[in-house]
Structures are given as C-alpha cells and as structure tokens.
C-alpha cells in the first residue's frame, strides 16, 4: 500500500495540513501577522527565552529568514530580543504584553477551525485519530533526534 497515493493517509495528512494553513490565514485576515510570523510568535510564547538559532531550527528556516521575522514581530510590538546572559553573540526571544491579545485571537480562530474540521467525528474516532497522530509524531521525532 502506497501511503502517498491520492487517498492514502500520507497524502491526506499533507493535504489537510495545507488546507488548515490556508483556512487559518484566511480567518486571521485583519490580523497584522503572516502565517510564518504567527508560527514564530507561538514558538516564542511557548518557549520564553528561546535563542534565535534554536527557533530557526524549529521553524525549519534559515537564520537570516528568522531574523527578518523577528524584526517584523518587534516592529509590531509583539516580541523582543534580549541579550543572552552567558553568550554575548546570542539573543533570547520573548513575547511582549501586546502579544497576549494576538495569541488569544489566534487561539479563538484555531478553536473554530478545529470545530469545523472535526465536525461529525465521535469521541472514539477522535481518540483513535489522536492516538495515531501521536504515534506518527513520536516516530518522526525519533528520526529527527528530537522529542518535541
């Protein structure tokens, strides 16, 4: 069985991911951030003090690309760089108080998208889906040498 044929689980996961990103971007219209900026802000909020280089790795972008994303977040007043306390070449990233409102709005949008996406799935189906995705996540994390 080829999991990447048009109706296979691999293809469907990638297609659903693409659709979710598009719907998120569409529903966040009026928000001041792009999808990439939103992702960066979420990682910063979840990992206060994360170093820029580490965030670039997690987002799978080049450090220069991340630097521009962080510049944009700083210009919007949503994130700030602070010098690393022990490595003078590094900066740590933190969300600002202003970011809290944006993150709350984003959470609301994501909850509504989830309601739409999971409509019609009963509790057993949701549990089976979550269990399967968790196993896939663990398998892929092991391949990357990460456990996040």
C-alpha atoms as a PDB file:
ATOM      1  CA  UNK A   1       0.000   0.000   0.000  1.00  0.00           C
ATOM      2  CA  UNK A   2       1.369   3.397  -1.007  1.00  0.00           C
ATOM      3  CA  UNK A   3       0.502   5.886   1.787  1.00  0.00           C
ATOM      4  CA  UNK A   4       1.122   8.800  -0.597  1.00  0.00           C
ATOM      5  CA  UNK A   5      -1.387   7.888  -3.285  1.00  0.00           C
ATOM      6  CA  UNK A   6      -4.179  10.455  -3.502  1.00  0.00           C
ATOM      7  CA  UNK A   7      -6.390   8.669  -0.963  1.00  0.00           C
ATOM      8  CA  UNK A   8      -3.559   7.336   1.221  1.00  0.00           C
ATOM      9  CA  UNK A   9      -3.013   8.598   4.775  1.00  0.00           C
ATOM     10  CA  UNK A  10       0.305  10.310   3.988  1.00  0.00           C
ATOM     11  CA  UNK A  11      -1.171  12.346   1.140  1.00  0.00           C
ATOM     12  CA  UNK A  12      -4.282  13.148   3.164  1.00  0.00           C
ATOM     13  CA  UNK A  13      -2.225  14.375   6.141  1.00  0.00           C
ATOM     14  CA  UNK A  14      -0.201  16.699   3.906  1.00  0.00           C
ATOM     15  CA  UNK A  15      -3.325  17.927   2.130  1.00  0.00           C
ATOM     16  CA  UNK A  16      -5.207  18.514   5.391  1.00  0.00           C
ATOM     17  CA  UNK A  17      -2.184  20.421   6.734  1.00  0.00           C
ATOM     18  CA  UNK A  18      -2.154  22.627   3.636  1.00  0.00           C
ATOM     19  CA  UNK A  19      -5.886  23.259   3.935  1.00  0.00           C
ATOM     20  CA  UNK A  20      -5.627  24.121   7.627  1.00  0.00           C
ATOM     21  CA  UNK A  21      -2.856  26.652   6.925  1.00  0.00           C
ATOM     22  CA  UNK A  22      -4.936  28.307   4.184  1.00  0.00           C
ATOM     23  CA  UNK A  23      -8.060  28.466   6.321  1.00  0.00           C
ATOM     24  CA  UNK A  24      -6.071  29.884   9.241  1.00  0.00           C
ATOM     25  CA  UNK A  25      -4.550  32.603   7.056  1.00  0.00           C
ATOM     26  CA  UNK A  26      -7.962  33.469   5.603  1.00  0.00           C
ATOM     27  CA  UNK A  27      -9.646  33.684   9.008  1.00  0.00           C
ATOM     28  CA  UNK A  28      -6.855  35.771  10.501  1.00  0.00           C
ATOM     29  CA  UNK A  29      -7.432  38.466   7.856  1.00  0.00           C
ATOM     30  CA  UNK A  30      -7.210  41.771   9.612  1.00  0.00           C
ATOM     31  CA  UNK A  31      -4.550  40.302  11.865  1.00  0.00           C
ATOM     32  CA  UNK A  32      -1.251  42.038  11.460  1.00  0.00           C
ATOM     33  CA  UNK A  33       0.857  38.901  11.004  1.00  0.00           C
ATOM     34  CA  UNK A  34       1.580  36.414   8.258  1.00  0.00           C
ATOM     35  CA  UNK A  35       1.339  32.694   8.935  1.00  0.00           C
ATOM     36  CA  UNK A  36       5.136  32.486   9.318  1.00  0.00           C
ATOM     37  CA  UNK A  37       5.143  35.360  11.806  1.00  0.00           C
ATOM     38  CA  UNK A  38       2.260  33.771  13.726  1.00  0.00           C
ATOM     39  CA  UNK A  39       4.125  30.459  13.957  1.00  0.00           C
ATOM     40  CA  UNK A  40       7.244  32.213  15.210  1.00  0.00           C
ATOM     41  CA  UNK A  41       5.242  34.096  17.843  1.00  0.00           C
ATOM     42  CA  UNK A  42       3.609  30.883  19.086  1.00  0.00           C
ATOM     43  CA  UNK A  43       7.009  29.216  19.493  1.00  0.00           C
ATOM     44  CA  UNK A  44       8.335  32.285  21.328  1.00  0.00           C
ATOM     45  CA  UNK A  45       5.296  32.301  23.632  1.00  0.00           C
ATOM     46  CA  UNK A  46       5.664  28.579  24.368  1.00  0.00           C
ATOM     47  CA  UNK A  47       9.425  28.828  24.889  1.00  0.00           C
ATOM     48  CA  UNK A  48      10.242  32.137  26.603  1.00  0.00           C
ATOM     49  CA  UNK A  49      13.921  32.956  26.186  1.00  0.00           C
ATOM     50  CA  UNK A  50      14.415  30.690  23.177  1.00  0.00           C
ATOM     51  CA  UNK A  51      17.565  31.564  21.257  1.00  0.00           C
ATOM     52  CA  UNK A  52      17.141  32.799  17.692  1.00  0.00           C
ATOM     53  CA  UNK A  53      19.217  29.975  16.242  1.00  0.00           C
ATOM     54  CA  UNK A  54      17.117  27.364  18.044  1.00  0.00           C
ATOM     55  CA  UNK A  55      13.886  28.941  16.834  1.00  0.00           C
ATOM     56  CA  UNK A  56      15.190  28.955  13.263  1.00  0.00           C
ATOM     57  CA  UNK A  57      15.861  25.218  13.566  1.00  0.00           C
ATOM     58  CA  UNK A  58      12.395  24.506  14.948  1.00  0.00           C
ATOM     59  CA  UNK A  59      10.701  26.536  12.243  1.00  0.00           C
ATOM     60  CA  UNK A  60      12.998  24.996   9.628  1.00  0.00           C
ATOM     61  CA  UNK A  61      14.056  28.356   8.224  1.00  0.00           C
ATOM     62  CA  UNK A  62      17.434  29.940   7.632  1.00  0.00           C
ATOM     63  CA  UNK A  63      18.717  32.197  10.440  1.00  0.00           C
ATOM     64  CA  UNK A  64      18.523  35.259   8.155  1.00  0.00           C
ATOM     65  CA  UNK A  65      14.865  34.477   7.420  1.00  0.00           C
ATOM     66  CA  UNK A  66      14.144  34.186  11.113  1.00  0.00           C
ATOM     67  CA  UNK A  67      15.971  37.448  11.809  1.00  0.00           C
ATOM     68  CA  UNK A  68      13.582  39.202   9.398  1.00  0.00           C
ATOM     69  CA  UNK A  69      10.564  37.518  11.037  1.00  0.00           C
ATOM     70  CA  UNK A  70      11.712  38.647  14.468  1.00  0.00           C
ATOM     71  CA  UNK A  71      12.388  42.166  13.142  1.00  0.00           C
ATOM     72  CA  UNK A  72       8.779  42.266  11.939  1.00  0.00           C
ATOM     73  CA  UNK A  73       7.455  40.954  15.272  1.00  0.00           C
ATOM     74  CA  UNK A  74       9.488  43.604  17.088  1.00  0.00           C
ATOM     75  CA  UNK A  75       8.180  46.333  14.756  1.00  0.00           C
ATOM     76  CA  UNK A  76       4.626  45.228  15.614  1.00  0.00           C
ATOM     77  CA  UNK A  77       5.481  45.321  19.316  1.00  0.00           C
ATOM     78  CA  UNK A  78       4.796  41.590  19.769  1.00  0.00           C
ATOM     79  CA  UNK A  79       8.271  40.221  20.552  1.00  0.00           C
ATOM     80  CA  UNK A  80      11.566  41.456  21.848  1.00  0.00           C
ATOM     81  CA  UNK A  81      15.174  40.360  21.684  1.00  0.00           C
ATOM     82  CA  UNK A  82      17.259  40.358  24.829  1.00  0.00           C
ATOM     83  CA  UNK A  83      20.967  39.633  25.062  1.00  0.00           C
ATOM     84  CA  UNK A  84      21.713  36.090  26.231  1.00  0.00           C
ATOM     85  CA  UNK A  85      23.101  36.227  29.791  1.00  0.00           C
ATOM     86  CA  UNK A  86      26.083  33.960  29.092  1.00  0.00           C
ATOM     87  CA  UNK A  87      26.624  34.120  25.322  1.00  0.00           C
ATOM     88  CA  UNK A  88      27.216  37.652  24.092  1.00  0.00           C
ATOM     89  CA  UNK A  89      26.753  36.526  20.464  1.00  0.00           C
ATOM     90  CA  UNK A  90      23.230  35.209  21.078  1.00  0.00           C
ATOM     91  CA  UNK A  91      19.837  36.753  21.659  1.00  0.00           C
ATOM     92  CA  UNK A  92      16.878  35.336  23.513  1.00  0.00           C
ATOM     93  CA  UNK A  93      13.329  35.972  22.340  1.00  0.00           C
ATOM     94  CA  UNK A  94      10.331  36.891  24.463  1.00  0.00           C
ATOM     95  CA  UNK A  95       6.751  37.831  23.721  1.00  0.00           C
ATOM     96  CA  UNK A  96       5.533  41.236  24.852  1.00  0.00           C
ATOM     97  CA  UNK A  97       2.347  42.029  26.753  1.00  0.00           C
ATOM     98  CA  UNK A  98       0.794  43.208  23.484  1.00  0.00           C
ATOM     99  CA  UNK A  99       1.292  39.699  22.038  1.00  0.00           C
ATOM    100  CA  UNK A 100      -1.155  38.229  24.537  1.00  0.00           C
ATOM    101  CA  UNK A 101      -4.183  39.720  22.742  1.00  0.00           C
ATOM    102  CA  UNK A 102      -2.978  38.444  19.385  1.00  0.00           C
ATOM    103  CA  UNK A 103      -2.351  34.966  20.819  1.00  0.00           C
ATOM    104  CA  UNK A 104      -5.843  34.934  22.341  1.00  0.00           C
ATOM    105  CA  UNK A 105      -7.380  35.883  18.977  1.00  0.00           C
ATOM    106  CA  UNK A 106      -5.322  33.205  17.270  1.00  0.00           C
ATOM    107  CA  UNK A 107      -6.477  30.613  19.809  1.00  0.00           C
ATOM    108  CA  UNK A 108     -10.113  31.519  19.116  1.00  0.00           C
ATOM    109  CA  UNK A 109      -9.605  31.150  15.369  1.00  0.00           C
ATOM    110  CA  UNK A 110      -7.872  27.791  15.865  1.00  0.00           C
ATOM    111  CA  UNK A 111     -10.688  26.534  18.102  1.00  0.00           C
ATOM    112  CA  UNK A 112     -13.291  27.445  15.471  1.00  0.00           C
ATOM    113  CA  UNK A 113     -11.221  25.779  12.742  1.00  0.00           C
ATOM    114  CA  UNK A 114     -10.958  22.666  14.917  1.00  0.00           C
ATOM    115  CA  UNK A 115     -14.722  22.608  15.447  1.00  0.00           C
ATOM    116  CA  UNK A 116     -15.236  22.748  11.686  1.00  0.00           C
ATOM    117  CA  UNK A 117     -12.502  20.226  10.891  1.00  0.00           C
ATOM    118  CA  UNK A 118     -13.594  17.636  13.451  1.00  0.00           C
ATOM    119  CA  UNK A 119     -17.353  18.014  12.946  1.00  0.00           C
ATOM    120  CA  UNK A 120     -19.023  14.611  12.745  1.00  0.00           C
ATOM    121  CA  UNK A 121     -16.232  12.684  14.473  1.00  0.00           C
ATOM    122  CA  UNK A 122     -17.371  10.932  17.629  1.00  0.00           C
ATOM    123  CA  UNK A 123     -15.235  10.542  20.755  1.00  0.00           C
ATOM    124  CA  UNK A 124     -13.891   7.120  19.731  1.00  0.00           C
ATOM    125  CA  UNK A 125     -12.878   8.436  16.306  1.00  0.00           C
ATOM    126  CA  UNK A 126     -11.200  11.488  17.880  1.00  0.00           C
ATOM    127  CA  UNK A 127      -9.318   9.262  20.332  1.00  0.00           C
ATOM    128  CA  UNK A 128      -8.191   6.917  17.536  1.00  0.00           C
ATOM    129  CA  UNK A 129      -7.083   9.873  15.410  1.00  0.00           C
ATOM    130  CA  UNK A 130      -5.147  11.426  18.304  1.00  0.00           C
ATOM    131  CA  UNK A 131      -3.515   8.111  19.199  1.00  0.00           C
ATOM    132  CA  UNK A 132      -2.451   7.508  15.603  1.00  0.00           C
ATOM    133  CA  UNK A 133      -1.088  11.014  15.132  1.00  0.00           C
ATOM    134  CA  UNK A 134       0.811  10.835  18.439  1.00  0.00           C
ATOM    135  CA  UNK A 135       2.483   7.604  17.292  1.00  0.00           C
ATOM    136  CA  UNK A 136       3.370   9.147  13.933  1.00  0.00           C
ATOM    137  CA  UNK A 137       4.761  12.212  15.720  1.00  0.00           C
ATOM    138  CA  UNK A 138       6.909  10.058  18.019  1.00  0.00           C
ATOM    139  CA  UNK A 139       8.200   8.006  15.082  1.00  0.00           C
ATOM    140  CA  UNK A 140       9.152  11.094  13.106  1.00  0.00           C
ATOM    141  CA  UNK A 141      10.644  12.826  16.160  1.00  0.00           C
ATOM    142  CA  UNK A 142      12.935   9.822  16.688  1.00  0.00           C
ATOM    143  CA  UNK A 143      14.054  10.084  13.064  1.00  0.00           C
ATOM    144  CA  UNK A 144      14.969  13.719  13.658  1.00  0.00           C
ATOM    145  CA  UNK A 145      16.593  13.035  17.001  1.00  0.00           C
ATOM    146  CA  UNK A 146      14.058  15.321  18.692  1.00  0.00           C
ATOM    147  CA  UNK A 147      11.253  14.749  21.113  1.00  0.00           C
ATOM    148  CA  UNK A 148       9.188  17.954  20.849  1.00  0.00           C
END
